[in-house]
Amino acid sequence: MQEEPFYTSQNVVVLIPKAEMSFLCKQFIATAIFRESQNNYRAFVKELNAHIKTDFTIKLPIKANDVPDYEFIETYMAGIRDRAEIFFEKLAGCC
């Protein structure tokens, strides 16, 4: 979450989590929003801003009781982060 005061333009929607979640979970959700919006929304034509608070949805992994599975998301994203770190370490070592 952005700790410092900030300003946005008129075409930016600020998302505030309704539940506590890690930075990795926020990254997962941001990526899901980005990918879904790339498929269905375009600037100046059908903008996401008009839909994000009304009819825009993304699918998250859920537990048996239909609650988002933040633990799974955290583990999944940590795996991606760890593989990326290994890749960049190897890349830095080759030059």
N, C-alpha and C. Protein backbone atom coordinates (compact mmCIF):
# COMPACT_ATOMS: atom_id res chain seq x y z
N MET A 1 0.84 -1.17 0.00
CA MET A 1 0.00 0.00 0.00
C MET A 1 0.89 1.23 0.00
N GLN A 2 0.47 2.24 -0.72
CA GLN A 2 1.21 3.51 -0.80
C GLN A 2 1.11 4.21 0.54
N GLU A 3 2.25 4.39 1.18
CA GLU A 3 2.27 5.02 2.51
C GLU A 3 2.29 6.54 2.44
N GLU A 4 2.92 7.08 1.41
CA GLU A 4 3.06 8.53 1.27
C GLU A 4 1.85 9.10 0.54
N PRO A 5 1.49 10.36 0.81
CA PRO A 5 0.41 11.00 0.05
C PRO A 5 0.78 11.03 -1.44
N PHE A 6 -0.22 10.92 -2.29
CA PHE A 6 0.03 10.94 -3.73
C PHE A 6 -1.18 11.52 -4.45
N TYR A 7 -0.96 11.88 -5.69
CA TYR A 7 -2.01 12.45 -6.54
C TYR A 7 -2.08 11.63 -7.81
N THR A 8 -3.27 11.55 -8.38
CA THR A 8 -3.45 10.82 -9.63
C THR A 8 -4.20 11.70 -10.62
N SER A 9 -4.19 11.28 -11.87
CA SER A 9 -5.00 11.96 -12.87
C SER A 9 -6.45 11.50 -12.72
N GLN A 10 -7.30 12.04 -13.52
CA GLN A 10 -8.72 11.70 -13.42
C GLN A 10 -9.02 10.29 -13.93
N ASN A 11 -8.14 9.70 -14.71
CA ASN A 11 -8.40 8.38 -15.27
C ASN A 11 -7.67 7.26 -14.54
N VAL A 12 -7.49 7.42 -13.23
CA VAL A 12 -6.83 6.39 -12.42
C VAL A 12 -7.76 5.99 -11.28
N VAL A 13 -7.93 4.71 -11.11
CA VAL A 13 -8.72 4.19 -10.00
C VAL A 13 -7.75 3.67 -8.96
N VAL A 14 -7.87 4.14 -7.75
CA VAL A 14 -7.01 3.69 -6.66
C VAL A 14 -7.70 2.50 -5.99
N LEU A 15 -7.01 1.38 -5.95
CA LEU A 15 -7.56 0.17 -5.34
C LEU A 15 -7.05 0.05 -3.91
N ILE A 16 -7.96 -0.13 -2.98
CA ILE A 16 -7.61 -0.26 -1.56
C ILE A 16 -8.09 -1.63 -1.10
N PRO A 17 -7.18 -2.47 -0.60
CA PRO A 17 -7.59 -3.82 -0.17
C PRO A 17 -8.61 -3.78 0.97
N LYS A 18 -9.59 -4.67 0.90
CA LYS A 18 -10.58 -4.78 1.97
C LYS A 18 -10.10 -5.70 3.07
N ALA A 19 -9.06 -6.47 2.79
CA ALA A 19 -8.48 -7.39 3.78
C ALA A 19 -6.97 -7.23 3.76
N GLU A 20 -6.34 -7.61 4.87
CA GLU A 20 -4.88 -7.59 4.93
C GLU A 20 -4.34 -8.61 3.95
N MET A 21 -3.33 -8.21 3.18
CA MET A 21 -2.68 -9.15 2.27
C MET A 21 -1.25 -8.69 2.03
N SER A 22 -0.43 -9.64 1.67
CA SER A 22 0.99 -9.36 1.47
C SER A 22 1.20 -8.62 0.16
N PHE A 23 2.42 -8.10 0.01
CA PHE A 23 2.81 -7.44 -1.22
C PHE A 23 2.72 -8.41 -2.40
N LEU A 24 3.10 -9.68 -2.18
CA LEU A 24 3.04 -10.67 -3.26
C LEU A 24 1.61 -10.92 -3.71
N CYS A 25 0.66 -10.93 -2.78
CA CYS A 25 -0.75 -11.09 -3.16
C CYS A 25 -1.22 -9.89 -3.97
N LYS A 26 -0.79 -8.71 -3.57
CA LYS A 26 -1.16 -7.49 -4.32
C LYS A 26 -0.57 -7.53 -5.73
N GLN A 27 0.65 -8.04 -5.85
CA GLN A 27 1.26 -8.17 -7.18
C GLN A 27 0.46 -9.14 -8.05
N PHE A 28 0.02 -10.25 -7.47
CA PHE A 28 -0.78 -11.24 -8.20
C PHE A 28 -2.06 -10.59 -8.72
N ILE A 29 -2.75 -9.88 -7.85
CA ILE A 29 -4.03 -9.25 -8.23
C ILE A 29 -3.79 -8.16 -9.27
N ALA A 30 -2.74 -7.37 -9.10
CA ALA A 30 -2.44 -6.32 -10.08
C ALA A 30 -2.15 -6.93 -11.45
N THR A 31 -1.43 -8.05 -11.47
CA THR A 31 -1.12 -8.72 -12.73
C THR A 31 -2.40 -9.29 -13.35
N ALA A 32 -3.27 -9.86 -12.54
CA ALA A 32 -4.54 -10.39 -13.05
C ALA A 32 -5.38 -9.26 -13.65
N ILE A 33 -5.44 -8.13 -13.00
CA ILE A 33 -6.18 -6.98 -13.52
C ILE A 33 -5.56 -6.52 -14.83
N PHE A 34 -4.24 -6.40 -14.86
CA PHE A 34 -3.55 -5.95 -16.07
C PHE A 34 -3.83 -6.89 -17.24
N ARG A 35 -3.70 -8.19 -17.02
CA ARG A 35 -3.90 -9.15 -18.12
C ARG A 35 -5.35 -9.16 -18.60
N GLU A 36 -6.28 -9.13 -17.69
CA GLU A 36 -7.69 -9.12 -18.09
C GLU A 36 -8.02 -7.84 -18.83
N SER A 37 -7.49 -6.73 -18.38
CA SER A 37 -7.80 -5.46 -19.03
C SER A 37 -7.18 -5.39 -20.43
N GLN A 38 -6.05 -6.03 -20.63
CA GLN A 38 -5.41 -6.05 -21.95
C GLN A 38 -6.30 -6.74 -22.98
N ASN A 39 -7.05 -7.73 -22.53
CA ASN A 39 -7.91 -8.49 -23.45
C ASN A 39 -9.20 -7.76 -23.81
N ASN A 40 -9.74 -6.97 -22.88
CA ASN A 40 -11.09 -6.46 -23.08
C ASN A 40 -11.27 -4.95 -23.07
N TYR A 41 -10.23 -4.20 -22.77
CA TYR A 41 -10.39 -2.76 -22.62
C TYR A 41 -9.30 -2.02 -23.38
N ARG A 42 -9.64 -0.85 -23.92
CA ARG A 42 -8.71 -0.03 -24.68
C ARG A 42 -8.88 1.43 -24.28
N ALA A 43 -7.77 2.15 -24.23
CA ALA A 43 -7.82 3.58 -23.90
C ALA A 43 -8.64 4.33 -24.94
N PHE A 44 -9.45 5.24 -24.48
CA PHE A 44 -10.28 6.12 -25.30
C PHE A 44 -11.41 5.41 -26.03
N VAL A 45 -11.52 4.10 -25.90
CA VAL A 45 -12.60 3.37 -26.57
C VAL A 45 -13.49 2.75 -25.50
N LYS A 46 -13.03 1.68 -24.90
CA LYS A 46 -13.75 1.02 -23.81
C LYS A 46 -12.77 0.96 -22.65
N GLU A 47 -12.76 2.00 -21.84
CA GLU A 47 -11.77 2.11 -20.77
C GLU A 47 -12.19 1.29 -19.55
N LEU A 48 -11.20 0.72 -18.92
CA LEU A 48 -11.41 -0.08 -17.71
C LEU A 48 -12.00 0.76 -16.58
N ASN A 49 -11.62 2.02 -16.50
CA ASN A 49 -12.09 2.89 -15.40
C ASN A 49 -13.60 2.88 -15.25
N ALA A 50 -14.31 2.86 -16.35
CA ALA A 50 -15.77 2.88 -16.30
C ALA A 50 -16.35 1.57 -15.79
N HIS A 51 -15.55 0.52 -15.79
CA HIS A 51 -16.07 -0.81 -15.44
C HIS A 51 -15.51 -1.39 -14.15
N ILE A 52 -14.38 -0.91 -13.69
CA ILE A 52 -13.67 -1.57 -12.59
C ILE A 52 -14.49 -1.63 -11.31
N LYS A 53 -15.33 -0.66 -11.06
CA LYS A 53 -16.13 -0.66 -9.83
C LYS A 53 -17.53 -1.22 -10.03
N THR A 54 -17.88 -1.59 -11.25
CA THR A 54 -19.24 -2.08 -11.50
C THR A 54 -19.29 -3.51 -12.01
N ASP A 55 -18.71 -3.78 -13.18
CA ASP A 55 -18.88 -5.10 -13.77
C ASP A 55 -17.58 -5.79 -14.16
N PHE A 56 -16.45 -5.32 -13.65
CA PHE A 56 -15.16 -5.94 -13.95
C PHE A 56 -14.88 -7.02 -12.91
N THR A 57 -14.49 -8.20 -13.35
CA THR A 57 -14.17 -9.28 -12.42
C THR A 57 -12.87 -9.96 -12.84
N ILE A 58 -12.18 -10.49 -11.85
CA ILE A 58 -11.03 -11.36 -12.08
C ILE A 58 -11.25 -12.60 -11.23
N LYS A 59 -10.66 -13.69 -11.65
CA LYS A 59 -10.81 -14.94 -10.91
C LYS A 59 -9.58 -15.15 -10.04
N LEU A 60 -9.81 -15.48 -8.78
CA LEU A 60 -8.74 -15.78 -7.84
C LEU A 60 -8.88 -17.22 -7.37
N PRO A 61 -7.78 -17.85 -6.99
CA PRO A 61 -7.89 -19.18 -6.37
C PRO A 61 -8.68 -19.05 -5.07
N ILE A 62 -9.54 -20.01 -4.81
CA ILE A 62 -10.35 -19.95 -3.59
C ILE A 62 -10.19 -21.22 -2.77
N LYS A 63 -10.53 -21.10 -1.50
CA LYS A 63 -10.58 -22.26 -0.60
C LYS A 63 -11.96 -22.90 -0.73
N ALA A 64 -12.16 -23.99 -0.04
CA ALA A 64 -13.42 -24.72 -0.13
C ALA A 64 -14.62 -23.86 0.29
N ASN A 65 -14.42 -22.88 1.14
CA ASN A 65 -15.53 -22.05 1.61
C ASN A 65 -15.68 -20.76 0.78
N ASP A 66 -15.15 -20.77 -0.46
CA ASP A 66 -15.26 -19.65 -1.40
C ASP A 66 -14.57 -18.37 -0.93
N VAL A 67 -13.57 -18.51 -0.08
CA VAL A 67 -12.76 -17.38 0.37
C VAL A 67 -11.47 -17.39 -0.44
N PRO A 68 -10.97 -16.23 -0.88
CA PRO A 68 -9.70 -16.24 -1.62
C PRO A 68 -8.60 -16.96 -0.85
N ASP A 69 -7.84 -17.77 -1.56
CA ASP A 69 -6.77 -18.55 -0.95
C ASP A 69 -5.47 -17.75 -1.02
N TYR A 70 -5.32 -16.81 -0.10
CA TYR A 70 -4.15 -15.94 -0.08
C TYR A 70 -2.87 -16.71 0.19
N GLU A 71 -2.95 -17.81 0.93
CA GLU A 71 -1.76 -18.60 1.19
C GLU A 71 -1.23 -19.23 -0.10
N PHE A 72 -2.13 -19.74 -0.93
CA PHE A 72 -1.73 -20.31 -2.22
C PHE A 72 -1.11 -19.23 -3.10
N ILE A 73 -1.75 -18.07 -3.16
CA ILE A 73 -1.24 -16.97 -3.97
C ILE A 73 0.16 -16.58 -3.50
N GLU A 74 0.33 -16.47 -2.19
CA GLU A 74 1.62 -16.10 -1.61
C GLU A 74 2.70 -17.10 -2.01
N THR A 75 2.41 -18.38 -1.89
CA THR A 75 3.36 -19.43 -2.25
C THR A 75 3.68 -19.42 -3.74
N TYR A 76 2.66 -19.26 -4.55
CA TYR A 76 2.82 -19.21 -6.01
C TYR A 76 3.72 -18.04 -6.41
N MET A 77 3.44 -16.87 -5.87
CA MET A 77 4.21 -15.67 -6.22
C MET A 77 5.64 -15.74 -5.66
N ALA A 78 5.81 -16.33 -4.48
CA ALA A 78 7.15 -16.48 -3.92
C ALA A 78 7.99 -17.38 -4.82
N GLY A 79 7.37 -18.42 -5.38
CA GLY A 79 8.08 -19.29 -6.32
C GLY A 79 8.53 -18.54 -7.56
N ILE A 80 7.67 -17.71 -8.09
CA ILE A 80 8.03 -16.90 -9.26
C ILE A 80 9.17 -15.95 -8.90
N ARG A 81 9.05 -15.28 -7.76
CA ARG A 81 10.10 -14.36 -7.31
C ARG A 81 11.44 -15.08 -7.16
N ASP A 82 11.41 -16.26 -6.52
CA ASP A 82 12.64 -17.01 -6.30
C ASP A 82 13.29 -17.45 -7.61
N ARG A 83 12.48 -17.91 -8.56
CA ARG A 83 13.03 -18.31 -9.86
C ARG A 83 13.61 -17.11 -10.60
N ALA A 84 12.95 -15.96 -10.49
CA ALA A 84 13.46 -14.74 -11.13
C ALA A 84 14.79 -14.32 -10.51
N GLU A 85 14.90 -14.40 -9.19
CA GLU A 85 16.15 -14.04 -8.52
C GLU A 85 17.29 -14.95 -8.96
N ILE A 86 17.03 -16.24 -9.07
CA ILE A 86 18.05 -17.19 -9.53
C ILE A 86 18.47 -16.87 -10.96
N PHE A 87 17.50 -16.58 -11.80
CA PHE A 87 17.78 -16.24 -13.19
C PHE A 87 18.68 -15.00 -13.28
N PHE A 88 18.33 -13.96 -12.53
CA PHE A 88 19.11 -12.72 -12.59
C PHE A 88 20.49 -12.89 -11.96
N GLU A 89 20.62 -13.73 -10.97
CA GLU A 89 21.94 -14.01 -10.40
C GLU A 89 22.82 -14.71 -11.43
N LYS A 90 22.24 -15.66 -12.15
CA LYS A 90 22.98 -16.36 -13.20
C LYS A 90 23.35 -15.39 -14.32
N LEU A 91 22.42 -14.54 -14.68
CA LEU A 91 22.65 -13.57 -15.73
C LEU A 91 23.77 -12.60 -15.34
N ALA A 92 23.77 -12.14 -14.10
CA ALA A 92 24.80 -11.22 -13.64
C ALA A 92 26.17 -11.90 -13.58
N GLY A 93 26.18 -13.20 -13.30
CA GLY A 93 27.44 -13.94 -13.19
C GLY A 93 28.07 -14.28 -14.53
N CYS A 94 27.31 -14.23 -15.59
CA CYS A 94 27.85 -14.63 -16.89
C CYS A 94 28.61 -13.53 -17.59
N CYS A 95 28.54 -12.31 -17.13
CA CYS A 95 29.17 -11.19 -17.85
C CYS A 95 30.35 -10.63 -17.11
